[in-house]
Amino acid sequence: MGTGKVINIVASECAAADEVNFNKWYNEIHIPMLLKFSGLLGVTRYKFIGGDAGQVKYLAVYEFKDKASFEAFEKSPELSAAKEEMGQTWKNKMFDIKYRARYETIKTWQK
């Protein structure tokens, strides 16, 4: 263990009035900025479609090559630039990051 991929999950909400702008910004500006970091393998976004009440509306799953790549990302100029841009874009209409969680691969099964 400890040598596999790492995922970083970001769960977020935004006001209904901001949803179109939030999704456009997230897809067209935020993610492309973060993908400039070489250790970030990919990002998948999800929208809640049903299940237990109280779940967040949006999840983003960031996949990293390994734990060292994720740790380097946390200190990277790419992440710093994305955070700065996010603060400028959303300073008056903030979305909510409900939680962030990181997971390390134990084992993968594929069909």
PDB file of N, CA and C in Angstrom:
ATOM      1  N   MET A   1       0.834  -1.183   0.000  1.00  0.00           N
ATOM      2  CA  MET A   1       0.000   0.000   0.000  1.00  0.00           C
ATOM      3  C   MET A   1       0.879   1.248   0.000  1.00  0.00           C
ATOM      4  N   GLY A   2       0.262   2.367  -0.358  1.00  0.00           N
ATOM      5  CA  GLY A   2       0.994   3.617  -0.326  1.00  0.00           C
ATOM      6  C   GLY A   2       1.655   3.983  -1.638  1.00  0.00           C
ATOM      7  N   THR A   3       1.557   3.134  -2.632  1.00  0.00           N
ATOM      8  CA  THR A   3       2.199   3.454  -3.908  1.00  0.00           C
ATOM      9  C   THR A   3       1.190   3.636  -5.035  1.00  0.00           C
ATOM     10  N   GLY A   4      -0.091   3.489  -4.718  1.00  0.00           N
ATOM     11  CA  GLY A   4      -1.108   3.593  -5.751  1.00  0.00           C
ATOM     12  C   GLY A   4      -1.635   5.010  -5.923  1.00  0.00           C
ATOM     13  N   LYS A   5      -2.617   5.116  -6.775  1.00  0.00           N
ATOM     14  CA  LYS A   5      -3.249   6.397  -7.058  1.00  0.00           C
ATOM     15  C   LYS A   5      -3.905   6.959  -5.805  1.00  0.00           C
ATOM     16  N   VAL A   6      -4.042   8.287  -5.803  1.00  0.00           N
ATOM     17  CA  VAL A   6      -4.722   8.999  -4.734  1.00  0.00           C
ATOM     18  C   VAL A   6      -5.831   9.817  -5.372  1.00  0.00           C
ATOM     19  N   ILE A   7      -7.006   9.819  -4.724  1.00  0.00           N
ATOM     20  CA  ILE A   7      -8.070  10.703  -5.178  1.00  0.00           C
ATOM     21  C   ILE A   7      -8.313  11.761  -4.117  1.00  0.00           C
ATOM     22  N   ASN A   8      -8.648  12.939  -4.581  1.00  0.00           N
ATOM     23  CA  ASN A   8      -9.048  14.045  -3.724  1.00  0.00           C
ATOM     24  C   ASN A   8     -10.481  14.375  -4.117  1.00  0.00           C
ATOM     25  N   ILE A   9     -11.392  14.269  -3.163  1.00  0.00           N
ATOM     26  CA  ILE A   9     -12.807  14.531  -3.424  1.00  0.00           C
ATOM     27  C   ILE A   9     -13.157  15.892  -2.841  1.00  0.00           C
ATOM     28  N   VAL A  10     -13.811  16.714  -3.650  1.00  0.00           N
ATOM     29  CA  VAL A  10     -14.268  18.025  -3.199  1.00  0.00           C
ATOM     30  C   VAL A  10     -15.787  18.068  -3.377  1.00  0.00           C
ATOM     31  N   ALA A  11     -16.493  18.270  -2.282  1.00  0.00           N
ATOM     32  CA  ALA A  11     -17.956  18.334  -2.297  1.00  0.00           C
ATOM     33  C   ALA A  11     -18.371  19.790  -2.145  1.00  0.00           C
ATOM     34  N   SER A  12     -19.214  20.270  -3.066  1.00  0.00           N
ATOM     35  CA  SER A  12     -19.571  21.683  -3.038  1.00  0.00           C
ATOM     36  C   SER A  12     -21.043  21.926  -3.330  1.00  0.00           C
ATOM     37  N   GLU A  13     -21.473  23.111  -2.928  1.00  0.00           N
ATOM     38  CA  GLU A  13     -22.835  23.600  -3.142  1.00  0.00           C
ATOM     39  C   GLU A  13     -22.728  25.041  -3.623  1.00  0.00           C
ATOM     40  N   CYS A  14     -23.734  25.485  -4.339  1.00  0.00           N
ATOM     41  CA  CYS A  14     -23.830  26.892  -4.690  1.00  0.00           C
ATOM     42  C   CYS A  14     -25.298  27.277  -4.730  1.00  0.00           C
ATOM     43  N   ALA A  15     -25.546  28.567  -4.680  1.00  0.00           N
ATOM     44  CA  ALA A  15     -26.924  29.053  -4.746  1.00  0.00           C
ATOM     45  C   ALA A  15     -27.509  28.697  -6.106  1.00  0.00           C
ATOM     46  N   ALA A  16     -28.797  28.397  -6.132  1.00  0.00           N
ATOM     47  CA  ALA A  16     -29.463  28.033  -7.387  1.00  0.00           C
ATOM     48  C   ALA A  16     -29.262  29.102  -8.454  1.00  0.00           C
ATOM     49  N   ALA A  17     -29.267  30.357  -8.058  1.00  0.00           N
ATOM     50  CA  ALA A  17     -29.098  31.458  -9.015  1.00  0.00           C
ATOM     51  C   ALA A  17     -27.705  31.474  -9.637  1.00  0.00           C
ATOM     52  N   ASP A  18     -26.726  30.848  -8.984  1.00  0.00           N
ATOM     53  CA  ASP A  18     -25.344  30.851  -9.468  1.00  0.00           C
ATOM     54  C   ASP A  18     -24.942  29.567 -10.184  1.00  0.00           C
ATOM     55  N   GLU A  19     -25.843  28.582 -10.256  1.00  0.00           N
ATOM     56  CA  GLU A  19     -25.477  27.260 -10.777  1.00  0.00           C
ATOM     57  C   GLU A  19     -24.899  27.283 -12.187  1.00  0.00           C
ATOM     58  N   VAL A  20     -25.522  27.982 -13.098  1.00  0.00           N
ATOM     59  CA  VAL A  20     -25.032  28.016 -14.488  1.00  0.00           C
ATOM     60  C   VAL A  20     -23.631  28.598 -14.525  1.00  0.00           C
ATOM     61  N   ASN A  21     -23.440  29.732 -13.857  1.00  0.00           N
ATOM     62  CA  ASN A  21     -22.114  30.364 -13.843  1.00  0.00           C
ATOM     63  C   ASN A  21     -21.089  29.514 -13.107  1.00  0.00           C
ATOM     64  N   PHE A  22     -21.510  28.902 -12.004  1.00  0.00           N
ATOM     65  CA  PHE A  22     -20.609  28.042 -11.238  1.00  0.00           C
ATOM     66  C   PHE A  22     -20.105  26.875 -12.085  1.00  0.00           C
ATOM     67  N   ASN A  23     -21.024  26.171 -12.751  1.00  0.00           N
ATOM     68  CA  ASN A  23     -20.625  25.022 -13.564  1.00  0.00           C
ATOM     69  C   ASN A  23     -19.788  25.427 -14.769  1.00  0.00           C
ATOM     70  N   LYS A  24     -20.122  26.526 -15.404  1.00  0.00           N
ATOM     71  CA  LYS A  24     -19.331  27.018 -16.536  1.00  0.00           C
ATOM     72  C   LYS A  24     -17.910  27.358 -16.070  1.00  0.00           C
ATOM     73  N   TRP A  25     -17.818  28.084 -14.953  1.00  0.00           N
ATOM     74  CA  TRP A  25     -16.512  28.445 -14.409  1.00  0.00           C
ATOM     75  C   TRP A  25     -15.717  27.193 -14.018  1.00  0.00           C
ATOM     76  N   TYR A  26     -16.361  26.271 -13.309  1.00  0.00           N
ATOM     77  CA  TYR A  26     -15.666  25.074 -12.832  1.00  0.00           C
ATOM     78  C   TYR A  26     -15.129  24.267 -14.010  1.00  0.00           C
ATOM     79  N   ASN A  27     -15.958  24.073 -15.031  1.00  0.00           N
ATOM     80  CA  ASN A  27     -15.589  23.243 -16.182  1.00  0.00           C
ATOM     81  C   ASN A  27     -14.607  23.913 -17.130  1.00  0.00           C
ATOM     82  N   GLU A  28     -14.759  25.206 -17.331  1.00  0.00           N
ATOM     83  CA  GLU A  28     -13.982  25.892 -18.377  1.00  0.00           C
ATOM     84  C   GLU A  28     -12.783  26.680 -17.866  1.00  0.00           C
ATOM     85  N   ILE A  29     -12.763  26.999 -16.574  1.00  0.00           N
ATOM     86  CA  ILE A  29     -11.647  27.784 -16.038  1.00  0.00           C
ATOM     87  C   ILE A  29     -10.897  27.021 -14.949  1.00  0.00           C
ATOM     88  N   HIS A  30     -11.616  26.620 -13.907  1.00  0.00           N
ATOM     89  CA  HIS A  30     -10.963  26.031 -12.730  1.00  0.00           C
ATOM     90  C   HIS A  30     -10.239  24.716 -13.046  1.00  0.00           C
ATOM     91  N   ILE A  31     -10.953  23.775 -13.616  1.00  0.00           N
ATOM     92  CA  ILE A  31     -10.327  22.480 -13.904  1.00  0.00           C
ATOM     93  C   ILE A  31      -9.177  22.613 -14.909  1.00  0.00           C
ATOM     94  N   PRO A  32      -9.337  23.335 -16.013  1.00  0.00           N
ATOM     95  CA  PRO A  32      -8.183  23.480 -16.919  1.00  0.00           C
ATOM     96  C   PRO A  32      -6.945  24.089 -16.242  1.00  0.00           C
ATOM     97  N   MET A  33      -7.163  25.024 -15.311  1.00  0.00           N
ATOM     98  CA  MET A  33      -6.014  25.581 -14.583  1.00  0.00           C
ATOM     99  C   MET A  33      -5.318  24.508 -13.763  1.00  0.00           C
ATOM    100  N   LEU A  34      -6.094  23.671 -13.079  1.00  0.00           N
ATOM    101  CA  LEU A  34      -5.514  22.628 -12.232  1.00  0.00           C
ATOM    102  C   LEU A  34      -4.853  21.525 -13.046  1.00  0.00           C
ATOM    103  N   LEU A  35      -5.401  21.229 -14.220  1.00  0.00           N
ATOM    104  CA  LEU A  35      -4.833  20.165 -15.063  1.00  0.00           C
ATOM    105  C   LEU A  35      -3.463  20.514 -15.621  1.00  0.00           C
ATOM    106  N   LYS A  36      -3.015  21.739 -15.441  1.00  0.00           N
ATOM    107  CA  LYS A  36      -1.655  22.116 -15.850  1.00  0.00           C
ATOM    108  C   LYS A  36      -0.612  21.420 -14.968  1.00  0.00           C
ATOM    109  N   PHE A  37      -1.032  20.960 -13.789  1.00  0.00           N
ATOM    110  CA  PHE A  37      -0.124  20.235 -12.904  1.00  0.00           C
ATOM    111  C   PHE A  37       0.055  18.820 -13.446  1.00  0.00           C
ATOM    112  N   SER A  38       1.284  18.426 -13.703  1.00  0.00           N
ATOM    113  CA  SER A  38       1.555  17.153 -14.397  1.00  0.00           C
ATOM    114  C   SER A  38       1.150  15.911 -13.606  1.00  0.00           C
ATOM    115  N   GLY A  39       1.151  15.963 -12.291  1.00  0.00           N
ATOM    116  CA  GLY A  39       0.804  14.788 -11.491  1.00  0.00           C
ATOM    117  C   GLY A  39      -0.687  14.557 -11.334  1.00  0.00           C
ATOM    118  N   LEU A  40      -1.499  15.504 -11.820  1.00  0.00           N
ATOM    119  CA  LEU A  40      -2.953  15.346 -11.786  1.00  0.00           C
ATOM    120  C   LEU A  40      -3.360  14.614 -13.059  1.00  0.00           C
ATOM    121  N   LEU A  41      -3.848  13.387 -12.899  1.00  0.00           N
ATOM    122  CA  LEU A  41      -4.157  12.543 -14.052  1.00  0.00           C
ATOM    123  C   LEU A  41      -5.489  12.885 -14.705  1.00  0.00           C
ATOM    124  N   GLY A  42      -6.454  13.318 -13.897  1.00  0.00           N
ATOM    125  CA  GLY A  42      -7.762  13.633 -14.451  1.00  0.00           C
ATOM    126  C   GLY A  42      -8.713  14.093 -13.370  1.00  0.00           C
ATOM    127  N   VAL A  43      -9.826  14.651 -13.814  1.00  0.00           N
ATOM    128  CA  VAL A  43     -10.865  15.139 -12.915  1.00  0.00           C
ATOM    129  C   VAL A  43     -12.209  14.677 -13.458  1.00  0.00           C
ATOM    130  N   THR A  44     -13.066  14.199 -12.581  1.00  0.00           N
ATOM    131  CA  THR A  44     -14.432  13.845 -12.952  1.00  0.00           C
ATOM    132  C   THR A  44     -15.362  14.584 -12.008  1.00  0.00           C
ATOM    133  N   ARG A  45     -16.362  15.248 -12.576  1.00  0.00           N
ATOM    134  CA  ARG A  45     -17.373  15.937 -11.772  1.00  0.00           C
ATOM    135  C   ARG A  45     -18.666  15.138 -11.792  1.00  0.00           C
ATOM    136  N   TYR A  46     -19.377  15.186 -10.667  1.00  0.00           N
ATOM    137  CA  TYR A  46     -20.637  14.478 -10.518  1.00  0.00           C
ATOM    138  C   TYR A  46     -21.687  15.426  -9.958  1.00  0.00           C
ATOM    139  N   LYS A  47     -22.952  15.196 -10.336  1.00  0.00           N
ATOM    140  CA  LYS A  47     -24.081  15.950  -9.811  1.00  0.00           C
ATOM    141  C   LYS A  47     -25.009  14.956  -9.111  1.00  0.00           C
ATOM    142  N   PHE A  48     -25.431  15.288  -7.920  1.00  0.00           N
ATOM    143  CA  PHE A  48     -26.312  14.433  -7.127  1.00  0.00           C
ATOM    144  C   PHE A  48     -27.640  14.221  -7.858  1.00  0.00           C
ATOM    145  N   ILE A  49     -28.060  12.962  -7.968  1.00  0.00           N
ATOM    146  CA  ILE A  49     -29.328  12.670  -8.656  1.00  0.00           C
ATOM    147  C   ILE A  49     -30.323  11.926  -7.766  1.00  0.00           C
ATOM    148  N   GLY A  50     -29.949  11.625  -6.550  1.00  0.00           N
ATOM    149  CA  GLY A  50     -30.892  10.973  -5.649  1.00  0.00           C
ATOM    150  C   GLY A  50     -30.202  10.087  -4.648  1.00  0.00           C
ATOM    151  N   GLY A  51     -30.924   9.814  -3.580  1.00  0.00           N
ATOM    152  CA  GLY A  51     -30.390   8.980  -2.515  1.00  0.00           C
ATOM    153  C   GLY A  51     -30.748   9.576  -1.178  1.00  0.00           C
ATOM    154  N   ASP A  52     -29.910   9.361  -0.191  1.00  0.00           N
ATOM    155  CA  ASP A  52     -30.167   9.871   1.147  1.00  0.00           C
ATOM    156  C   ASP A  52     -30.227  11.397   1.151  1.00  0.00           C
ATOM    157  N   ALA A  53     -31.164  11.933   1.893  1.00  0.00           N
ATOM    158  CA  ALA A  53     -31.303  13.386   2.012  1.00  0.00           C
ATOM    159  C   ALA A  53     -30.061  13.988   2.654  1.00  0.00           C
ATOM    160  N   GLY A  54     -29.820  15.233   2.336  1.00  0.00           N
ATOM    161  CA  GLY A  54     -28.714  15.944   2.963  1.00  0.00           C
ATOM    162  C   GLY A  54     -27.382  15.803   2.257  1.00  0.00           C
ATOM    163  N   GLN A  55     -27.359  15.170   1.107  1.00  0.00           N
ATOM    164  CA  GLN A  55     -26.102  15.016   0.362  1.00  0.00           C
ATOM    165  C   GLN A  55     -25.773  16.305  -0.392  1.00  0.00           C
ATOM    166  N   VAL A  56     -24.493  16.518  -0.661  1.00  0.00           N
ATOM    167  CA  VAL A  56     -24.092  17.698  -1.427  1.00  0.00           C
ATOM    168  C   VAL A  56     -24.498  17.530  -2.889  1.00  0.00           C
ATOM    169  N   LYS A  57     -24.645  18.640  -3.587  1.00  0.00           N
ATOM    170  CA  LYS A  57     -25.107  18.597  -4.968  1.00  0.00           C
ATOM    171  C   LYS A  57     -23.989  18.231  -5.937  1.00  0.00           C
ATOM    172  N   TYR A  58     -22.773  18.720  -5.684  1.00  0.00           N
ATOM    173  CA  TYR A  58     -21.677  18.493  -6.625  1.00  0.00           C
ATOM    174  C   TYR A  58     -20.471  17.835  -5.960  1.00  0.00           C
ATOM    175  N   LEU A  59     -19.900  16.870  -6.660  1.00  0.00           N
ATOM    176  CA  LEU A  59     -18.639  16.250  -6.258  1.00  0.00           C
ATOM    177  C   LEU A  59     -17.659  16.377  -7.414  1.00  0.00           C
ATOM    178  N   ALA A  60     -16.431  16.656  -7.078  1.00  0.00           N
ATOM    179  CA  ALA A  60     -15.351  16.612  -8.060  1.00  0.00           C
ATOM    180  C   ALA A  60     -14.321  15.626  -7.519  1.00  0.00           C
ATOM    181  N   VAL A  61     -13.909  14.696  -8.370  1.00  0.00           N
ATOM    182  CA  VAL A  61     -12.918  13.695  -7.976  1.00  0.00           C
ATOM    183  C   VAL A  61     -11.666  13.939  -8.806  1.00  0.00           C
ATOM    184  N   TYR A  62     -10.603  14.301  -8.101  1.00  0.00           N
ATOM    185  CA  TYR A  62      -9.310  14.583  -8.722  1.00  0.00           C
ATOM    186  C   TYR A  62      -8.433  13.357  -8.525  1.00  0.00           C
ATOM    187  N   GLU A  63      -7.868  12.831  -9.598  1.00  0.00           N
ATOM    188  CA  GLU A  63      -7.073  11.613  -9.514  1.00  0.00           C
ATOM    189  C   GLU A  63      -5.590  11.939  -9.730  1.00  0.00           C
ATOM    190  N   PHE A  64      -4.778  11.510  -8.766  1.00  0.00           N
ATOM    191  CA  PHE A  64      -3.337  11.761  -8.806  1.00  0.00           C
ATOM    192  C   PHE A  64      -2.569  10.459  -8.980  1.00  0.00           C
ATOM    193  N   LYS A  65      -1.426  10.580  -9.598  1.00  0.00           N
ATOM    194  CA  LYS A  65      -0.570   9.429  -9.882  1.00  0.00           C
ATOM    195  C   LYS A  65      -0.226   8.660  -8.604  1.00  0.00           C
ATOM    196  N   ASP A  66       0.069   9.395  -7.537  1.00  0.00           N
ATOM    197  CA  ASP A  66       0.450   8.774  -6.272  1.00  0.00           C
ATOM    198  C   ASP A  66       0.393   9.816  -5.163  1.00  0.00           C
ATOM    199  N   LYS A  67       0.689   9.394  -3.953  1.00  0.00           N
ATOM    200  CA  LYS A  67       0.616  10.287  -2.797  1.00  0.00           C
ATOM    201  C   LYS A  67       1.613  11.448  -2.923  1.00  0.00           C
ATOM    202  N   ALA A  68       2.780  11.168  -3.422  1.00  0.00           N
ATOM    203  CA  ALA A  68       3.788  12.220  -3.593  1.00  0.00           C
ATOM    204  C   ALA A  68       3.304  13.285  -4.579  1.00  0.00           C
ATOM    205  N   SER A  69       2.619  12.870  -5.634  1.00  0.00           N
ATOM    206  CA  SER A  69       2.069  13.831  -6.598  1.00  0.00           C
ATOM    207  C   SER A  69       1.015  14.709  -5.945  1.00  0.00           C
ATOM    208  N   PHE A  70       0.149  14.106  -5.142  1.00  0.00           N
ATOM    209  CA  PHE A  70      -0.873  14.904  -4.450  1.00  0.00           C
ATOM    210  C   PHE A  70      -0.219  15.902  -3.500  1.00  0.00           C
ATOM    211  N   GLU A  71       0.769  15.451  -2.747  1.00  0.00           N
ATOM    212  CA  GLU A  71       1.446  16.343  -1.807  1.00  0.00           C
ATOM    213  C   GLU A  71       2.147  17.487  -2.533  1.00  0.00           C
ATOM    214  N   ALA A  72       2.740  17.209  -3.689  1.00  0.00           N
ATOM    215  CA  ALA A  72       3.377  18.260  -4.489  1.00  0.00           C
ATOM    216  C   ALA A  72       2.330  19.231  -5.038  1.00  0.00           C
ATOM    217  N   PHE A  73       1.173  18.713  -5.420  1.00  0.00           N
ATOM    218  CA  PHE A  73       0.081  19.539  -5.929  1.00  0.00           C
ATOM    219  C   PHE A  73      -0.359  20.557  -4.879  1.00  0.00           C
ATOM    220  N   GLU A  74      -0.449  20.132  -3.622  1.00  0.00           N
ATOM    221  CA  GLU A  74      -0.888  21.014  -2.540  1.00  0.00           C
ATOM    222  C   GLU A  74       0.014  22.233  -2.384  1.00  0.00           C
ATOM    223  N   LYS A  75       1.259  22.136  -2.839  1.00  0.00           N
ATOM    224  CA  LYS A  75       2.228  23.235  -2.730  1.00  0.00           C
ATOM    225  C   LYS A  75       2.545  23.858  -4.089  1.00  0.00           C
ATOM    226  N   SER A  76       1.821  23.467  -5.117  1.00  0.00           N
ATOM    227  CA  SER A  76       2.167  23.850  -6.490  1.00  0.00           C
ATOM    228  C   SER A  76       1.722  25.260  -6.867  1.00  0.00           C
ATOM    229  N   PRO A  77       2.436  25.862  -7.817  1.00  0.00           N
ATOM    230  CA  PRO A  77       2.006  27.163  -8.336  1.00  0.00           C
ATOM    231  C   PRO A  77       0.678  27.066  -9.091  1.00  0.00           C
ATOM    232  N   GLU A  78       0.379  25.899  -9.645  1.00  0.00           N
ATOM    233  CA  GLU A  78      -0.897  25.713 -10.351  1.00  0.00           C
ATOM    234  C   GLU A  78      -2.075  25.821  -9.387  1.00  0.00           C
ATOM    235  N   LEU A  79      -1.958  25.185  -8.228  1.00  0.00           N
ATOM    236  CA  LEU A  79      -3.035  25.266  -7.242  1.00  0.00           C
ATOM    237  C   LEU A  79      -3.127  26.682  -6.676  1.00  0.00           C
ATOM    238  N   SER A  80      -1.989  27.304  -6.413  1.00  0.00           N
ATOM    239  CA  SER A  80      -1.997  28.684  -5.905  1.00  0.00           C
ATOM    240  C   SER A  80      -2.686  29.625  -6.882  1.00  0.00           C
ATOM    241  N   ALA A  81      -2.373  29.493  -8.173  1.00  0.00           N
ATOM    242  CA  ALA A  81      -2.991  30.346  -9.190  1.00  0.00           C
ATOM    243  C   ALA A  81      -4.497  30.097  -9.271  1.00  0.00           C
ATOM    244  N   ALA A  82      -4.901  28.833  -9.181  1.00  0.00           N
ATOM    245  CA  ALA A  82      -6.329  28.503  -9.246  1.00  0.00           C
ATOM    246  C   ALA A  82      -7.072  29.059  -8.033  1.00  0.00           C
ATOM    247  N   LYS A  83      -6.465  28.991  -6.863  1.00  0.00           N
ATOM    248  CA  LYS A  83      -7.099  29.539  -5.660  1.00  0.00           C
ATOM    249  C   LYS A  83      -7.235  31.056  -5.758  1.00  0.00           C
ATOM    250  N   GLU A  84      -6.199  31.703  -6.265  1.00  0.00           N
ATOM    251  CA  GLU A  84      -6.243  33.163  -6.423  1.00  0.00           C
ATOM    252  C   GLU A  84      -7.339  33.564  -7.410  1.00  0.00           C
ATOM    253  N   GLU A  85      -7.399  32.871  -8.535  1.00  0.00           N
ATOM    254  CA  GLU A  85      -8.429  33.162  -9.532  1.00  0.00           C
ATOM    255  C   GLU A  85      -9.814  32.905  -8.950  1.00  0.00           C
ATOM    256  N   MET A  86      -9.978  31.827  -8.190  1.00  0.00           N
ATOM    257  CA  MET A  86     -11.258  31.485  -7.581  1.00  0.00           C
ATOM    258  C   MET A  86     -11.709  32.597  -6.633  1.00  0.00           C
ATOM    259  N   GLY A  87     -10.787  33.122  -5.845  1.00  0.00           N
ATOM    260  CA  GLY A  87     -11.118  34.206  -4.928  1.00  0.00           C
ATOM    261  C   GLY A  87     -11.564  35.463  -5.658  1.00  0.00           C
ATOM    262  N   GLN A  88     -10.927  35.747  -6.784  1.00  0.00           N
ATOM    263  CA  GLN A  88     -11.309  36.924  -7.562  1.00  0.00           C
ATOM    264  C   GLN A  88     -12.665  36.733  -8.223  1.00  0.00           C
ATOM    265  N   THR A  89     -12.896  35.571  -8.790  1.00  0.00           N
ATOM    266  CA  THR A  89     -14.151  35.310  -9.499  1.00  0.00           C
ATOM    267  C   THR A  89     -15.332  35.233  -8.558  1.00  0.00           C
ATOM    268  N   TRP A  90     -15.162  34.616  -7.395  1.00  0.00           N
ATOM    269  CA  TRP A  90     -16.282  34.322  -6.506  1.00  0.00           C
ATOM    270  C   TRP A  90     -16.308  35.171  -5.241  1.00  0.00           C
ATOM    271  N   LYS A  91     -15.620  36.305  -5.228  1.00  0.00           N
ATOM    272  CA  LYS A  91     -15.557  37.084  -3.984  1.00  0.00           C
ATOM    273  C   LYS A  91     -16.920  37.609  -3.532  1.00  0.00           C
ATOM    274  N   ASN A  92     -17.820  37.898  -4.458  1.00  0.00           N
ATOM    275  CA  ASN A  92     -19.135  38.421  -4.074  1.00  0.00           C
ATOM    276  C   ASN A  92     -20.219  37.350  -4.056  1.00  0.00           C
ATOM    277  N   LYS A  93     -20.027  36.272  -4.783  1.00  0.00           N
ATOM    278  CA  LYS A  93     -21.018  35.187  -4.849  1.00  0.00           C
ATOM    279  C   LYS A  93     -20.279  33.892  -4.570  1.00  0.00           C
ATOM    280  N   MET A  94     -20.156  33.556  -3.332  1.00  0.00           N
ATOM    281  CA  MET A  94     -19.345  32.394  -2.975  1.00  0.00           C
ATOM    282  C   MET A  94     -20.152  31.105  -3.055  1.00  0.00           C
ATOM    283  N   PHE A  95     -19.497  30.073  -3.514  1.00  0.00           N
ATOM    284  CA  PHE A  95     -20.047  28.730  -3.393  1.00  0.00           C
ATOM    285  C   PHE A  95     -19.438  28.136  -2.138  1.00  0.00           C
ATOM    286  N   ASP A  96     -19.992  27.046  -1.689  1.00  0.00           N
ATOM    287  CA  ASP A  96     -19.572  26.428  -0.442  1.00  0.00           C
ATOM    288  C   ASP A  96     -18.849  25.118  -0.710  1.00  0.00           C
ATOM    289  N   ILE A  97     -17.636  24.996  -0.217  1.00  0.00           N
ATOM    290  CA  ILE A  97     -16.974  23.691  -0.223  1.00  0.00           C
ATOM    291  C   ILE A  97     -17.372  23.037   1.090  1.00  0.00           C
ATOM    292  N   LYS A  98     -18.179  21.991   1.001  1.00  0.00           N
ATOM    293  CA  LYS A  98     -18.703  21.324   2.195  1.00  0.00           C
ATOM    294  C   LYS A  98     -17.658  20.433   2.856  1.00  0.00           C
ATOM    295  N   TYR A  99     -16.875  19.756   2.024  1.00  0.00           N
ATOM    296  CA  TYR A  99     -15.774  18.964   2.573  1.00  0.00           C
ATOM    297  C   TYR A  99     -14.802  18.580   1.471  1.00  0.00           C
ATOM    298  N   ARG A 100     -13.605  18.231   1.906  1.00  0.00           N
ATOM    299  CA  ARG A 100     -12.566  17.668   1.043  1.00  0.00           C
ATOM    300  C   ARG A 100     -12.085  16.406   1.735  1.00  0.00           C
ATOM    301  N   ALA A 101     -11.804  15.390   0.944  1.00  0.00           N
ATOM    302  CA  ALA A 101     -11.292  14.141   1.509  1.00  0.00           C
ATOM    303  C   ALA A 101     -10.328  13.513   0.519  1.00  0.00           C
ATOM    304  N   ARG A 102      -9.286  12.903   1.031  1.00  0.00           N
ATOM    305  CA  ARG A 102      -8.297  12.231   0.191  1.00  0.00           C
ATOM    306  C   ARG A 102      -8.292  10.757   0.515  1.00  0.00           C
ATOM    307  N   TYR A 103      -8.201   9.967  -0.533  1.00  0.00           N
ATOM    308  CA  TYR A 103      -8.181   8.509  -0.380  1.00  0.00           C
ATOM    309  C   TYR A 103      -7.037   7.937  -1.196  1.00  0.00           C
ATOM    310  N   GLU A 104      -6.436   6.910  -0.644  1.00  0.00           N
ATOM    311  CA  GLU A 104      -5.338   6.213  -1.300  1.00  0.00           C
ATOM    312  C   GLU A 104      -5.847   4.851  -1.778  1.00  0.00           C
ATOM    313  N   THR A 105      -5.412   4.446  -2.940  1.00  0.00           N
ATOM    314  CA  THR A 105      -5.835   3.174  -3.514  1.00  0.00           C
ATOM    315  C   THR A 105      -5.364   1.997  -2.659  1.00  0.00           C
ATOM    316  N   ILE A 106      -6.276   1.075  -2.416  1.00  0.00           N
ATOM    317  CA  ILE A 106      -5.916  -0.195  -1.773  1.00  0.00           C
ATOM    318  C   ILE A 106      -5.760  -1.250  -2.870  1.00  0.00           C
ATOM    319  N   LYS A 107      -6.806  -1.380  -3.688  1.00  0.00           N
ATOM    320  CA  LYS A 107      -6.797  -2.366  -4.756  1.00  0.00           C
ATOM    321  C   LYS A 107      -7.862  -1.967  -5.758  1.00  0.00           C
ATOM    322  N   THR A 108      -7.647  -2.293  -7.012  1.00  0.00           N
ATOM    323  CA  THR A 108      -8.607  -2.006  -8.078  1.00  0.00           C
ATOM    324  C   THR A 108      -9.019  -3.316  -8.739  1.00  0.00           C
ATOM    325  N   TRP A 109     -10.303  -3.470  -8.965  1.00  0.00           N
ATOM    326  CA  TRP A 109     -10.835  -4.591  -9.730  1.00  0.00           C
ATOM    327  C   TRP A 109     -11.366  -4.039 -11.039  1.00  0.00           C
ATOM    328  N   GLN A 110     -11.095  -4.700 -12.107  1.00  0.00           N
ATOM    329  CA  GLN A 110     -11.624  -4.282 -13.408  1.00  0.00           C
ATOM    330  C   GLN A 110     -12.192  -5.469 -14.132  1.00  0.00           C
ATOM    331  N   LYS A 111     -13.173  -5.209 -14.918  1.00  0.00           N
ATOM    332  CA  LYS A 111     -13.820  -6.259 -15.674  1.00  0.00           C
ATOM    333  C   LYS A 111     -13.340  -6.217 -17.104  1.00  0.00           C
TER     334      LYS A 111
END
